[in-house]
Amino acid sequence: MTESSPPRGGSAASKRKDARRNQQTLLDAAAAVFVTSGVDAPVREIAAKAGVGLGTFYRHFPTRADLVIAVYRHQVDTCAEAGPALLANGPTPFAALERWVDHFVDFLVTKHGLAAAMQADGSGFDALHAYFIDRLVPVCTQLLDAAVAAGEIRPDLDAYHLMRGIGNLCIGTDSDPRYDARPLVVLLLAGLRRPHRT
């Protein structure tokens, strides 16, 4: 190797970094398109939103099932990572909980479409559901515990039940344009607040 030769592996590392960036861009684009156009949105629409060609798309996601699984996991991870960040930067733990629930509702609206797309593969969906529970319940627990410790909410509700209740309120949002679950979710969260003593 001469002094002017590039270091071995440098080009490969750069390609891997580009590939990861392309995959992240595709996942973000797919999640956004799924919200507006549904899980059956054309691949061409997702690739165009991501600013990549169809060849790049299919190198990352050879089948629609591969894409759906990747988007589901990506959204779970994004929602999980948002919790601690909101808690660290929010004005109060309850404000962080409210913001996190907004993220969670955004995810649930897409999740229902993803679930329907995966019904043919029950074992695959069961594994993803377990991933969802394992990643998100501890984050919601952390937010609830912080709000309880701050005296902002009552201590009598656990994270799984809250998430299940929000999930039930969100059923139908992807199929009925007249239904918006958010006002009901706001009421549910308001019901957690400790009454102010005068």
N, C-alpha and C. Protein backbone atom coordinates (compact mmCIF):
# COMPACT_ATOMS: atom_id res chain seq x y z
N MET A 1 0.84 -1.19 0.00
CA MET A 1 0.00 0.00 0.00
C MET A 1 0.88 1.24 0.00
N THR A 2 0.66 2.18 -0.91
CA THR A 2 1.43 3.41 -1.00
C THR A 2 0.88 4.44 -0.04
N GLU A 3 1.67 5.52 0.16
CA GLU A 3 1.22 6.56 1.09
C GLU A 3 -0.04 7.24 0.61
N SER A 4 -0.24 7.26 -0.72
CA SER A 4 -1.41 7.95 -1.25
C SER A 4 -2.65 7.08 -1.29
N SER A 5 -2.49 5.77 -0.98
CA SER A 5 -3.63 4.86 -1.03
C SER A 5 -4.55 5.12 0.14
N PRO A 6 -5.90 5.02 -0.08
CA PRO A 6 -6.82 5.19 1.05
C PRO A 6 -6.66 4.05 2.02
N PRO A 7 -6.90 4.25 3.30
CA PRO A 7 -6.78 3.17 4.28
C PRO A 7 -7.77 2.06 3.96
N ARG A 8 -7.29 0.83 4.16
CA ARG A 8 -8.16 -0.32 3.91
C ARG A 8 -9.38 -0.25 4.83
N GLY A 9 -10.52 -0.57 4.29
CA GLY A 9 -11.74 -0.59 5.09
C GLY A 9 -12.43 0.75 5.19
N GLY A 10 -11.74 1.84 4.84
CA GLY A 10 -12.35 3.17 4.93
C GLY A 10 -13.54 3.30 4.03
N SER A 11 -13.40 2.82 2.79
CA SER A 11 -14.51 2.89 1.84
C SER A 11 -15.67 2.02 2.28
N ALA A 12 -15.36 0.83 2.79
CA ALA A 12 -16.41 -0.08 3.26
C ALA A 12 -17.17 0.52 4.43
N ALA A 13 -16.43 1.16 5.36
CA ALA A 13 -17.08 1.78 6.53
C ALA A 13 -17.99 2.92 6.07
N SER A 14 -17.52 3.68 5.09
CA SER A 14 -18.33 4.78 4.56
C SER A 14 -19.61 4.25 3.91
N LYS A 15 -19.48 3.14 3.19
CA LYS A 15 -20.67 2.54 2.54
C LYS A 15 -21.66 2.04 3.58
N ARG A 16 -21.13 1.44 4.65
CA ARG A 16 -22.03 0.96 5.71
C ARG A 16 -22.76 2.12 6.37
N LYS A 17 -22.03 3.22 6.58
CA LYS A 17 -22.66 4.40 7.18
C LYS A 17 -23.75 4.96 6.26
N ASP A 18 -23.46 5.02 4.97
CA ASP A 18 -24.46 5.48 4.00
C ASP A 18 -25.67 4.56 4.00
N ALA A 19 -25.42 3.25 4.07
CA ALA A 19 -26.52 2.28 4.06
C ALA A 19 -27.40 2.46 5.29
N ARG A 20 -26.78 2.67 6.45
CA ARG A 20 -27.57 2.88 7.68
C ARG A 20 -28.39 4.16 7.59
N ARG A 21 -27.77 5.21 7.03
CA ARG A 21 -28.49 6.47 6.87
C ARG A 21 -29.66 6.31 5.91
N ASN A 22 -29.43 5.58 4.79
CA ASN A 22 -30.52 5.33 3.84
C ASN A 22 -31.65 4.54 4.49
N GLN A 23 -31.28 3.54 5.28
CA GLN A 23 -32.31 2.72 5.94
C GLN A 23 -33.12 3.56 6.92
N GLN A 24 -32.44 4.41 7.69
CA GLN A 24 -33.14 5.28 8.64
C GLN A 24 -34.08 6.23 7.91
N THR A 25 -33.60 6.79 6.81
CA THR A 25 -34.43 7.71 6.01
C THR A 25 -35.65 6.98 5.46
N LEU A 26 -35.45 5.75 4.99
CA LEU A 26 -36.56 4.96 4.45
C LEU A 26 -37.58 4.62 5.54
N LEU A 27 -37.10 4.29 6.74
CA LEU A 27 -38.02 3.96 7.84
C LEU A 27 -38.84 5.18 8.24
N ASP A 28 -38.19 6.34 8.34
CA ASP A 28 -38.92 7.57 8.68
C ASP A 28 -39.96 7.88 7.60
N ALA A 29 -39.56 7.74 6.33
CA ALA A 29 -40.47 8.02 5.22
C ALA A 29 -41.63 7.05 5.22
N ALA A 30 -41.34 5.77 5.43
CA ALA A 30 -42.41 4.76 5.42
C ALA A 30 -43.40 5.01 6.55
N ALA A 31 -42.90 5.34 7.74
CA ALA A 31 -43.80 5.62 8.87
C ALA A 31 -44.72 6.78 8.54
N ALA A 32 -44.17 7.85 7.94
CA ALA A 32 -44.98 9.02 7.59
C ALA A 32 -46.00 8.68 6.51
N VAL A 33 -45.58 7.92 5.51
CA VAL A 33 -46.50 7.55 4.42
C VAL A 33 -47.59 6.62 4.93
N PHE A 34 -47.24 5.71 5.83
CA PHE A 34 -48.25 4.80 6.39
C PHE A 34 -49.35 5.56 7.10
N VAL A 35 -48.99 6.66 7.80
CA VAL A 35 -49.99 7.45 8.51
C VAL A 35 -50.96 8.10 7.53
N THR A 36 -50.43 8.62 6.42
CA THR A 36 -51.28 9.36 5.47
C THR A 36 -51.93 8.48 4.42
N SER A 37 -51.23 7.42 4.00
CA SER A 37 -51.73 6.62 2.87
C SER A 37 -52.01 5.16 3.22
N GLY A 38 -51.73 4.76 4.46
CA GLY A 38 -51.99 3.38 4.86
C GLY A 38 -50.80 2.47 4.60
N VAL A 39 -50.86 1.29 5.21
CA VAL A 39 -49.77 0.33 5.13
C VAL A 39 -49.60 -0.22 3.71
N ASP A 40 -50.65 -0.17 2.91
CA ASP A 40 -50.57 -0.67 1.55
C ASP A 40 -50.11 0.39 0.55
N ALA A 41 -49.58 1.50 1.05
CA ALA A 41 -49.10 2.57 0.16
C ALA A 41 -48.07 2.02 -0.81
N PRO A 42 -48.05 2.54 -2.04
CA PRO A 42 -47.08 2.06 -3.03
C PRO A 42 -45.64 2.28 -2.58
N VAL A 43 -44.80 1.30 -2.86
CA VAL A 43 -43.38 1.41 -2.54
C VAL A 43 -42.78 2.65 -3.19
N ARG A 44 -43.21 2.96 -4.40
CA ARG A 44 -42.69 4.12 -5.13
C ARG A 44 -42.90 5.41 -4.33
N GLU A 45 -44.05 5.50 -3.63
CA GLU A 45 -44.35 6.69 -2.83
C GLU A 45 -43.38 6.82 -1.66
N ILE A 46 -43.06 5.69 -1.02
CA ILE A 46 -42.14 5.69 0.11
C ILE A 46 -40.73 6.05 -0.35
N ALA A 47 -40.30 5.45 -1.45
CA ALA A 47 -38.95 5.72 -1.98
C ALA A 47 -38.83 7.20 -2.37
N ALA A 48 -39.88 7.73 -2.99
CA ALA A 48 -39.84 9.13 -3.41
C ALA A 48 -39.75 10.06 -2.21
N LYS A 49 -40.51 9.76 -1.14
CA LYS A 49 -40.47 10.61 0.06
C LYS A 49 -39.09 10.54 0.71
N ALA A 50 -38.45 9.37 0.63
CA ALA A 50 -37.12 9.20 1.21
C ALA A 50 -36.03 9.77 0.32
N GLY A 51 -36.37 10.04 -0.94
CA GLY A 51 -35.37 10.58 -1.87
C GLY A 51 -34.38 9.55 -2.35
N VAL A 52 -34.83 8.28 -2.44
CA VAL A 52 -33.95 7.21 -2.93
C VAL A 52 -34.65 6.48 -4.08
N GLY A 53 -33.87 5.70 -4.83
CA GLY A 53 -34.43 4.92 -5.92
C GLY A 53 -35.05 3.63 -5.44
N LEU A 54 -35.81 2.99 -6.31
CA LEU A 54 -36.45 1.72 -5.94
C LEU A 54 -35.41 0.64 -5.67
N GLY A 55 -34.28 0.69 -6.39
CA GLY A 55 -33.23 -0.30 -6.15
C GLY A 55 -32.72 -0.23 -4.72
N THR A 56 -32.50 0.99 -4.23
CA THR A 56 -32.05 1.17 -2.85
C THR A 56 -33.11 0.66 -1.88
N PHE A 57 -34.37 0.97 -2.18
CA PHE A 57 -35.45 0.51 -1.31
C PHE A 57 -35.43 -1.01 -1.19
N TYR A 58 -35.38 -1.71 -2.33
CA TYR A 58 -35.47 -3.18 -2.29
C TYR A 58 -34.21 -3.83 -1.74
N ARG A 59 -33.07 -3.14 -1.78
CA ARG A 59 -31.88 -3.69 -1.14
C ARG A 59 -32.06 -3.76 0.38
N HIS A 60 -32.77 -2.77 0.92
CA HIS A 60 -33.01 -2.75 2.36
C HIS A 60 -34.21 -3.60 2.76
N PHE A 61 -35.25 -3.58 1.95
CA PHE A 61 -36.50 -4.26 2.30
C PHE A 61 -37.00 -5.06 1.08
N PRO A 62 -36.52 -6.31 0.93
CA PRO A 62 -36.90 -7.10 -0.25
C PRO A 62 -38.41 -7.36 -0.36
N THR A 63 -39.11 -7.43 0.78
CA THR A 63 -40.55 -7.67 0.76
C THR A 63 -41.28 -6.64 1.61
N ARG A 64 -42.58 -6.50 1.40
CA ARG A 64 -43.37 -5.58 2.21
C ARG A 64 -43.36 -6.01 3.68
N ALA A 65 -43.36 -7.33 3.92
CA ALA A 65 -43.32 -7.81 5.31
C ALA A 65 -42.04 -7.34 6.00
N ASP A 66 -40.92 -7.37 5.28
CA ASP A 66 -39.66 -6.88 5.85
C ASP A 66 -39.79 -5.41 6.25
N LEU A 67 -40.43 -4.63 5.39
CA LEU A 67 -40.62 -3.20 5.66
C LEU A 67 -41.52 -2.99 6.87
N VAL A 68 -42.65 -3.71 6.91
CA VAL A 68 -43.60 -3.54 8.00
C VAL A 68 -42.96 -3.87 9.34
N ILE A 69 -42.21 -4.97 9.40
CA ILE A 69 -41.54 -5.37 10.64
C ILE A 69 -40.54 -4.30 11.06
N ALA A 70 -39.76 -3.81 10.08
CA ALA A 70 -38.73 -2.81 10.39
C ALA A 70 -39.36 -1.51 10.87
N VAL A 71 -40.46 -1.08 10.23
CA VAL A 71 -41.13 0.16 10.65
C VAL A 71 -41.70 0.00 12.06
N TYR A 72 -42.30 -1.14 12.33
CA TYR A 72 -42.87 -1.39 13.66
C TYR A 72 -41.79 -1.28 14.73
N ARG A 73 -40.67 -1.98 14.52
CA ARG A 73 -39.58 -1.95 15.51
C ARG A 73 -38.98 -0.55 15.63
N HIS A 74 -38.84 0.12 14.51
CA HIS A 74 -38.29 1.47 14.49
C HIS A 74 -39.18 2.42 15.29
N GLN A 75 -40.49 2.30 15.13
CA GLN A 75 -41.40 3.19 15.85
C GLN A 75 -41.43 2.87 17.34
N VAL A 76 -41.35 1.58 17.68
CA VAL A 76 -41.27 1.21 19.10
C VAL A 76 -40.01 1.82 19.71
N ASP A 77 -38.88 1.68 19.02
CA ASP A 77 -37.62 2.22 19.54
C ASP A 77 -37.68 3.73 19.69
N THR A 78 -38.24 4.40 18.69
CA THR A 78 -38.34 5.87 18.75
C THR A 78 -39.19 6.31 19.93
N CYS A 79 -40.30 5.62 20.15
CA CYS A 79 -41.19 5.94 21.26
C CYS A 79 -40.50 5.66 22.60
N ALA A 80 -39.77 4.55 22.67
CA ALA A 80 -39.06 4.21 23.91
C ALA A 80 -37.99 5.23 24.23
N GLU A 81 -37.26 5.68 23.22
CA GLU A 81 -36.17 6.63 23.43
C GLU A 81 -36.70 8.03 23.79
N ALA A 82 -37.93 8.33 23.37
CA ALA A 82 -38.49 9.65 23.65
C ALA A 82 -38.78 9.85 25.13
N GLY A 83 -39.16 8.79 25.84
CA GLY A 83 -39.57 8.92 27.24
C GLY A 83 -38.51 9.55 28.13
N PRO A 84 -37.32 8.95 28.24
CA PRO A 84 -36.29 9.54 29.10
C PRO A 84 -35.88 10.94 28.66
N ALA A 85 -35.85 11.19 27.35
CA ALA A 85 -35.48 12.52 26.86
C ALA A 85 -36.51 13.57 27.29
N LEU A 86 -37.78 13.23 27.18
CA LEU A 86 -38.84 14.15 27.59
C LEU A 86 -38.80 14.40 29.09
N LEU A 87 -38.52 13.35 29.85
CA LEU A 87 -38.46 13.48 31.31
C LEU A 87 -37.29 14.38 31.72
N ALA A 88 -36.18 14.25 31.01
CA ALA A 88 -35.01 15.05 31.34
C ALA A 88 -35.19 16.52 30.95
N ASN A 89 -35.95 16.78 29.90
CA ASN A 89 -36.04 18.14 29.37
C ASN A 89 -37.38 18.83 29.60
N GLY A 90 -38.38 18.09 30.09
CA GLY A 90 -39.70 18.68 30.27
C GLY A 90 -39.78 19.54 31.51
N PRO A 91 -40.75 20.44 31.55
CA PRO A 91 -40.89 21.30 32.73
C PRO A 91 -41.33 20.55 33.97
N THR A 92 -42.15 19.50 33.79
CA THR A 92 -42.60 18.68 34.90
C THR A 92 -42.73 17.24 34.42
N PRO A 93 -42.72 16.27 35.35
CA PRO A 93 -42.92 14.88 34.93
C PRO A 93 -44.27 14.66 34.24
N PHE A 94 -45.33 15.34 34.71
CA PHE A 94 -46.63 15.15 34.06
C PHE A 94 -46.62 15.71 32.64
N ALA A 95 -45.96 16.83 32.43
CA ALA A 95 -45.85 17.38 31.08
C ALA A 95 -45.09 16.41 30.18
N ALA A 96 -44.05 15.77 30.73
CA ALA A 96 -43.30 14.77 29.97
C ALA A 96 -44.19 13.58 29.63
N LEU A 97 -45.02 13.16 30.59
CA LEU A 97 -45.95 12.06 30.35
C LEU A 97 -46.94 12.42 29.24
N GLU A 98 -47.48 13.62 29.28
CA GLU A 98 -48.42 14.06 28.24
C GLU A 98 -47.77 14.04 26.86
N ARG A 99 -46.55 14.56 26.77
CA ARG A 99 -45.85 14.58 25.48
C ARG A 99 -45.56 13.17 25.00
N TRP A 100 -45.17 12.30 25.93
CA TRP A 100 -44.88 10.91 25.55
C TRP A 100 -46.13 10.20 25.07
N VAL A 101 -47.24 10.45 25.73
CA VAL A 101 -48.50 9.84 25.30
C VAL A 101 -48.86 10.31 23.88
N ASP A 102 -48.56 11.56 23.55
CA ASP A 102 -48.76 12.03 22.17
C ASP A 102 -47.97 11.17 21.19
N HIS A 103 -46.71 10.90 21.51
CA HIS A 103 -45.88 10.02 20.66
C HIS A 103 -46.50 8.63 20.58
N PHE A 104 -46.95 8.14 21.72
CA PHE A 104 -47.52 6.80 21.80
C PHE A 104 -48.78 6.70 20.93
N VAL A 105 -49.63 7.71 20.98
CA VAL A 105 -50.84 7.71 20.16
C VAL A 105 -50.48 7.74 18.68
N ASP A 106 -49.50 8.56 18.31
CA ASP A 106 -49.05 8.58 16.91
C ASP A 106 -48.64 7.18 16.47
N PHE A 107 -47.89 6.49 17.34
CA PHE A 107 -47.46 5.13 17.03
C PHE A 107 -48.65 4.18 16.92
N LEU A 108 -49.59 4.29 17.85
CA LEU A 108 -50.72 3.36 17.84
C LEU A 108 -51.56 3.48 16.58
N VAL A 109 -51.73 4.70 16.08
CA VAL A 109 -52.52 4.89 14.86
C VAL A 109 -51.91 4.09 13.71
N THR A 110 -50.57 4.12 13.61
CA THR A 110 -49.89 3.35 12.58
C THR A 110 -49.87 1.87 12.94
N LYS A 111 -49.70 1.57 14.22
CA LYS A 111 -49.57 0.18 14.67
C LYS A 111 -50.76 -0.67 14.26
N HIS A 112 -51.97 -0.10 14.34
CA HIS A 112 -53.13 -0.90 13.99
C HIS A 112 -53.07 -1.33 12.53
N GLY A 113 -52.62 -0.44 11.66
CA GLY A 113 -52.47 -0.81 10.26
C GLY A 113 -51.37 -1.84 10.07
N LEU A 114 -50.29 -1.70 10.82
CA LEU A 114 -49.20 -2.67 10.73
C LEU A 114 -49.67 -4.04 11.21
N ALA A 115 -50.44 -4.04 12.28
CA ALA A 115 -50.94 -5.31 12.81
C ALA A 115 -51.81 -6.02 11.78
N ALA A 116 -52.69 -5.28 11.13
CA ALA A 116 -53.56 -5.87 10.12
C ALA A 116 -52.73 -6.44 8.97
N ALA A 117 -51.66 -5.75 8.61
CA ALA A 117 -50.82 -6.21 7.51
C ALA A 117 -50.07 -7.49 7.86
N MET A 118 -49.90 -7.76 9.17
CA MET A 118 -49.13 -8.92 9.59
C MET A 118 -49.98 -10.07 10.11
N GLN A 119 -51.29 -9.98 9.97
CA GLN A 119 -52.14 -11.01 10.54
C GLN A 119 -51.86 -12.40 9.98
N ALA A 120 -51.35 -12.45 8.76
CA ALA A 120 -51.07 -13.75 8.15
C ALA A 120 -49.91 -14.46 8.85
N ASP A 121 -49.06 -13.71 9.53
CA ASP A 121 -47.91 -14.29 10.21
C ASP A 121 -48.07 -14.10 11.71
N GLY A 122 -48.86 -14.96 12.32
CA GLY A 122 -49.18 -14.82 13.74
C GLY A 122 -47.96 -14.86 14.63
N SER A 123 -47.02 -15.78 14.36
CA SER A 123 -45.84 -15.90 15.22
C SER A 123 -44.99 -14.65 15.13
N GLY A 124 -44.86 -14.09 13.91
CA GLY A 124 -44.09 -12.87 13.74
C GLY A 124 -44.70 -11.71 14.48
N PHE A 125 -46.03 -11.61 14.43
CA PHE A 125 -46.68 -10.51 15.13
C PHE A 125 -46.59 -10.69 16.63
N ASP A 126 -46.70 -11.93 17.12
CA ASP A 126 -46.56 -12.17 18.56
C ASP A 126 -45.20 -11.72 19.07
N ALA A 127 -44.15 -11.99 18.28
CA ALA A 127 -42.80 -11.58 18.68
C ALA A 127 -42.70 -10.06 18.72
N LEU A 128 -43.31 -9.38 17.76
CA LEU A 128 -43.27 -7.92 17.74
C LEU A 128 -44.07 -7.33 18.90
N HIS A 129 -45.20 -7.96 19.23
CA HIS A 129 -46.00 -7.48 20.35
C HIS A 129 -45.21 -7.60 21.66
N ALA A 130 -44.49 -8.71 21.81
CA ALA A 130 -43.66 -8.90 23.00
C ALA A 130 -42.57 -7.82 23.05
N TYR A 131 -42.00 -7.49 21.90
CA TYR A 131 -40.99 -6.44 21.82
C TYR A 131 -41.59 -5.09 22.24
N PHE A 132 -42.79 -4.82 21.77
CA PHE A 132 -43.53 -3.61 22.11
C PHE A 132 -43.71 -3.49 23.62
N ILE A 133 -44.17 -4.57 24.26
CA ILE A 133 -44.39 -4.56 25.71
C ILE A 133 -43.08 -4.39 26.46
N ASP A 134 -42.07 -5.16 26.06
CA ASP A 134 -40.79 -5.13 26.77
C ASP A 134 -40.11 -3.76 26.69
N ARG A 135 -40.27 -3.07 25.58
CA ARG A 135 -39.61 -1.77 25.39
C ARG A 135 -40.40 -0.61 26.00
N LEU A 136 -41.74 -0.65 25.88
CA LEU A 136 -42.52 0.53 26.22
C LEU A 136 -43.08 0.55 27.63
N VAL A 137 -43.41 -0.59 28.19
CA VAL A 137 -43.97 -0.59 29.55
C VAL A 137 -42.97 0.00 30.56
N PRO A 138 -41.67 -0.36 30.51
CA PRO A 138 -40.74 0.26 31.47
C PRO A 138 -40.62 1.78 31.30
N VAL A 139 -40.71 2.26 30.06
CA VAL A 139 -40.62 3.71 29.83
C VAL A 139 -41.84 4.41 30.42
N CYS A 140 -43.02 3.87 30.17
CA CYS A 140 -44.24 4.46 30.73
C CYS A 140 -44.21 4.39 32.26
N THR A 141 -43.69 3.29 32.81
CA THR A 141 -43.56 3.15 34.27
C THR A 141 -42.67 4.25 34.83
N GLN A 142 -41.55 4.51 34.16
CA GLN A 142 -40.63 5.56 34.60
C GLN A 142 -41.32 6.92 34.63
N LEU A 143 -42.10 7.22 33.60
CA LEU A 143 -42.81 8.50 33.55
C LEU A 143 -43.88 8.59 34.64
N LEU A 144 -44.64 7.53 34.83
CA LEU A 144 -45.67 7.53 35.87
C LEU A 144 -45.05 7.67 37.26
N ASP A 145 -43.98 6.92 37.51
CA ASP A 145 -43.32 6.97 38.82
C ASP A 145 -42.82 8.38 39.12
N ALA A 146 -42.26 9.04 38.09
CA ALA A 146 -41.75 10.40 38.29
C ALA A 146 -42.89 11.37 38.60
N ALA A 147 -44.03 11.21 37.91
CA ALA A 147 -45.17 12.09 38.15
C ALA A 147 -45.79 11.83 39.53
N VAL A 148 -45.79 10.57 39.95
CA VAL A 148 -46.28 10.24 41.29
C VAL A 148 -45.35 10.85 42.35
N ALA A 149 -44.04 10.69 42.16
CA ALA A 149 -43.07 11.22 43.11
C ALA A 149 -43.16 12.74 43.22
N ALA A 150 -43.54 13.39 42.11
CA ALA A 150 -43.69 14.85 42.12
C ALA A 150 -45.04 15.29 42.69
N GLY A 151 -45.88 14.32 43.06
CA GLY A 151 -47.19 14.65 43.62
C GLY A 151 -48.20 15.13 42.58
N GLU A 152 -47.94 14.85 41.30
CA GLU A 152 -48.82 15.36 40.24
C GLU A 152 -49.97 14.42 39.92
N ILE A 153 -49.78 13.11 40.12
CA ILE A 153 -50.84 12.16 39.78
C ILE A 153 -51.01 11.16 40.92
N ARG A 154 -52.15 10.48 40.88
CA ARG A 154 -52.43 9.45 41.88
C ARG A 154 -51.55 8.23 41.61
N PRO A 155 -51.23 7.46 42.63
CA PRO A 155 -50.33 6.31 42.46
C PRO A 155 -51.04 5.00 42.16
N ASP A 156 -52.32 5.04 41.77
CA ASP A 156 -53.10 3.80 41.72
C ASP A 156 -53.31 3.26 40.30
N LEU A 157 -52.40 3.55 39.36
CA LEU A 157 -52.54 3.00 38.01
C LEU A 157 -51.17 2.58 37.51
N ASP A 158 -51.08 1.35 36.99
CA ASP A 158 -49.78 0.95 36.47
C ASP A 158 -49.70 1.20 34.96
N ALA A 159 -48.48 1.13 34.45
CA ALA A 159 -48.21 1.52 33.07
C ALA A 159 -48.94 0.64 32.07
N TYR A 160 -48.96 -0.66 32.31
CA TYR A 160 -49.60 -1.55 31.35
C TYR A 160 -51.08 -1.20 31.19
N HIS A 161 -51.76 -0.96 32.30
CA HIS A 161 -53.19 -0.63 32.22
C HIS A 161 -53.43 0.70 31.52
N LEU A 162 -52.57 1.68 31.80
CA LEU A 162 -52.72 2.96 31.11
C LEU A 162 -52.51 2.80 29.61
N MET A 163 -51.47 2.09 29.21
CA MET A 163 -51.20 1.87 27.79
C MET A 163 -52.31 1.09 27.12
N ARG A 164 -52.83 0.10 27.84
CA ARG A 164 -53.94 -0.69 27.29
C ARG A 164 -55.18 0.18 27.09
N GLY A 165 -55.46 1.05 28.07
CA GLY A 165 -56.61 1.94 27.96
C GLY A 165 -56.46 2.91 26.79
N ILE A 166 -55.27 3.49 26.64
CA ILE A 166 -55.03 4.39 25.51
C ILE A 166 -55.16 3.63 24.20
N GLY A 167 -54.62 2.42 24.17
CA GLY A 167 -54.72 1.61 22.96
C GLY A 167 -56.16 1.33 22.57
N ASN A 168 -56.99 1.02 23.56
CA ASN A 168 -58.41 0.76 23.26
C ASN A 168 -59.11 2.01 22.73
N LEU A 169 -58.74 3.17 23.27
CA LEU A 169 -59.34 4.42 22.76
C LEU A 169 -58.94 4.69 21.31
N CYS A 170 -57.77 4.21 20.92
CA CYS A 170 -57.26 4.49 19.57
C CYS A 170 -57.79 3.53 18.51
N ILE A 171 -58.45 2.47 18.92
CA ILE A 171 -58.99 1.52 17.93
C ILE A 171 -60.00 2.24 17.04
N GLY A 172 -59.82 2.10 15.75
CA GLY A 172 -60.75 2.71 14.80
C GLY A 172 -60.27 4.02 14.21
N THR A 173 -59.19 4.59 14.77
CA THR A 173 -58.73 5.87 14.25
C THR A 173 -58.18 5.75 12.83
N ASP A 174 -57.69 4.54 12.47
CA ASP A 174 -57.11 4.36 11.14
C ASP A 174 -58.17 4.06 10.09
N SER A 175 -59.38 3.74 10.53
CA SER A 175 -60.42 3.36 9.55
C SER A 175 -61.62 4.30 9.53
N ASP A 176 -61.73 5.18 10.52
CA ASP A 176 -62.86 6.11 10.58
C ASP A 176 -62.34 7.54 10.66
N PRO A 177 -62.36 8.28 9.56
CA PRO A 177 -61.80 9.63 9.57
C PRO A 177 -62.55 10.59 10.49
N ARG A 178 -63.76 10.24 10.91
CA ARG A 178 -64.52 11.12 11.81
C ARG A 178 -64.10 10.97 13.26
N TYR A 179 -63.37 9.89 13.56
CA TYR A 179 -63.03 9.59 14.95
C TYR A 179 -61.62 10.07 15.28
N ASP A 180 -61.51 10.87 16.33
CA ASP A 180 -60.23 11.33 16.82
C ASP A 180 -60.11 10.93 18.29
N ALA A 181 -59.18 10.06 18.59
CA ALA A 181 -59.05 9.56 19.97
C ALA A 181 -58.41 10.56 20.91
N ARG A 182 -57.73 11.56 20.37
CA ARG A 182 -56.92 12.43 21.22
C ARG A 182 -57.70 13.14 22.33
N PRO A 183 -58.89 13.71 22.04
CA PRO A 183 -59.61 14.36 23.14
C PRO A 183 -59.95 13.40 24.28
N LEU A 184 -60.22 12.14 23.95
CA LEU A 184 -60.52 11.15 24.98
C LEU A 184 -59.27 10.78 25.76
N VAL A 185 -58.14 10.72 25.06
CA VAL A 185 -56.88 10.42 25.74
C VAL A 185 -56.53 11.56 26.70
N VAL A 186 -56.79 12.79 26.30
CA VAL A 186 -56.55 13.94 27.18
C VAL A 186 -57.41 13.82 28.44
N LEU A 187 -58.67 13.44 28.27
CA LEU A 187 -59.55 13.26 29.43
C LEU A 187 -59.05 12.15 30.34
N LEU A 188 -58.56 11.07 29.73
CA LEU A 188 -58.03 9.96 30.52
C LEU A 188 -56.85 10.42 31.36
N LEU A 189 -55.93 11.17 30.76
CA LEU A 189 -54.78 11.67 31.51
C LEU A 189 -55.20 12.66 32.59
N ALA A 190 -56.19 13.51 32.27
CA ALA A 190 -56.67 14.46 33.27
C ALA A 190 -57.21 13.74 34.49
N GLY A 191 -57.79 12.55 34.28
CA GLY A 191 -58.32 11.77 35.39
C GLY A 191 -57.25 11.22 36.33
N LEU A 192 -55.99 11.26 35.88
CA LEU A 192 -54.90 10.80 36.74
C LEU A 192 -54.44 11.86 37.72
N ARG A 193 -54.78 13.13 37.42
CA ARG A 193 -54.26 14.24 38.24
C ARG A 193 -54.78 14.16 39.66
N ARG A 194 -53.94 14.51 40.59
CA ARG A 194 -54.39 14.63 41.99
C ARG A 194 -55.28 15.86 42.13
N PRO A 195 -56.38 15.75 42.83
CA PRO A 195 -57.21 16.95 43.02
C PRO A 195 -56.47 17.98 43.86
N HIS A 196 -56.63 19.24 43.47
CA HIS A 196 -55.98 20.31 44.23
C HIS A 196 -56.76 20.56 45.51
N ARG A 197 -56.02 20.57 46.62
CA ARG A 197 -56.67 20.85 47.91
C ARG A 197 -56.68 22.35 48.13
N THR A 198 -57.80 22.86 48.60
CA THR A 198 -57.89 24.31 48.89
C THR A 198 -57.75 24.55 50.39
